[in-house]
């Protein structure tokens, strides 16, 4: 059976034309959304929501564009509505719940990219806040994806970027006066680089007294190594001053006279941690936080350029050119990061 072009072309255009147009418009909107949100801080959540909205709107638009009878189109809309209802109903405990939780986290703004958080026994640094989950990088350098529903149903401990308190505990025998212990603990906290240190007595046990020393750390980027440095400083300070750290095991089992104190044949400088632990553990989170700062800096520069141009563009030509040069450099770095991050 022969078909002429006049017979094939009209129905092909009637059905394929709307499909092609809607597909191209949808692709263009997705591309524009990616470009629009690329220069904005904290953009991933809104970008994903926009993607979902564009795809959902494109489907009914396509049904309206096709040459269908009214009854057929109404039936398809009914099927589409039932399908969307079924999807929402079956995924309400996962997709919708996590999406709503992501919006709530965005509105609350409790934590940001680069913050240290502890939730449900997991501790790490935030690398990304998405529509359905929050990514943190653990101390083992692993990336952990936490559902947003978990982030709003469990208490989230956020380390303040302006500084935090770190502490350690130690047990000392009754033969050492508590005021002497306090002096040594404060000396150790100062040696570990902490400020405003204080000492608490937590427990008076059968064999020893448990003390806790706490100090303020202003550089939270080194929180992990600073905790280790504080413990090391406490041990070194007590051993250097001839004070033995007690445990029930030592009290019960040792068979010799004297104190268990290691010899002081070490170089203190070799025992320092210069922050290498955090660089390995939280490299992705550190990079993500730096990129967010670059986004904010670029947005600030754009606002400054607009103000200078509205004031007197000719008089501020050099200032405008310098800020635009900085914006271009920052945008290139941000674009490379977004391409690598997907």
Foldseek 3Di string as FASTA:
>chain_A
DDDDCVRPVPLCCLQVVLVVVLVVVLVVQLVVLCVVQLLAFQRAAVSVVVNVVSVVVSVLSSLVSHPDDPVVSVVVVVVVVVVVVVVCVVCVVAQVLLQVLLVVCVVVVPDGQQWWKAWPRFTFGWQHRHRFWTWGFGLVRDIDTGGSNRVVVTDMGTADLQKDKAKDKFWFFPVDDPVVLFVLLVVLCVVLVFPPKGKDFDDDDPGTTMMMIMGIDRHCLQVPQSNVSSVVSSLVSCLVVVTATDDVCCVPDDDDDDGPHDDPPDDVVVVHDPNPSSCSRHVSSVVSVVLSVLSVLLVVLVVVLVVCVVVPCVVCVVVNVVSVVSNVVSSVVSVVVVVVVD
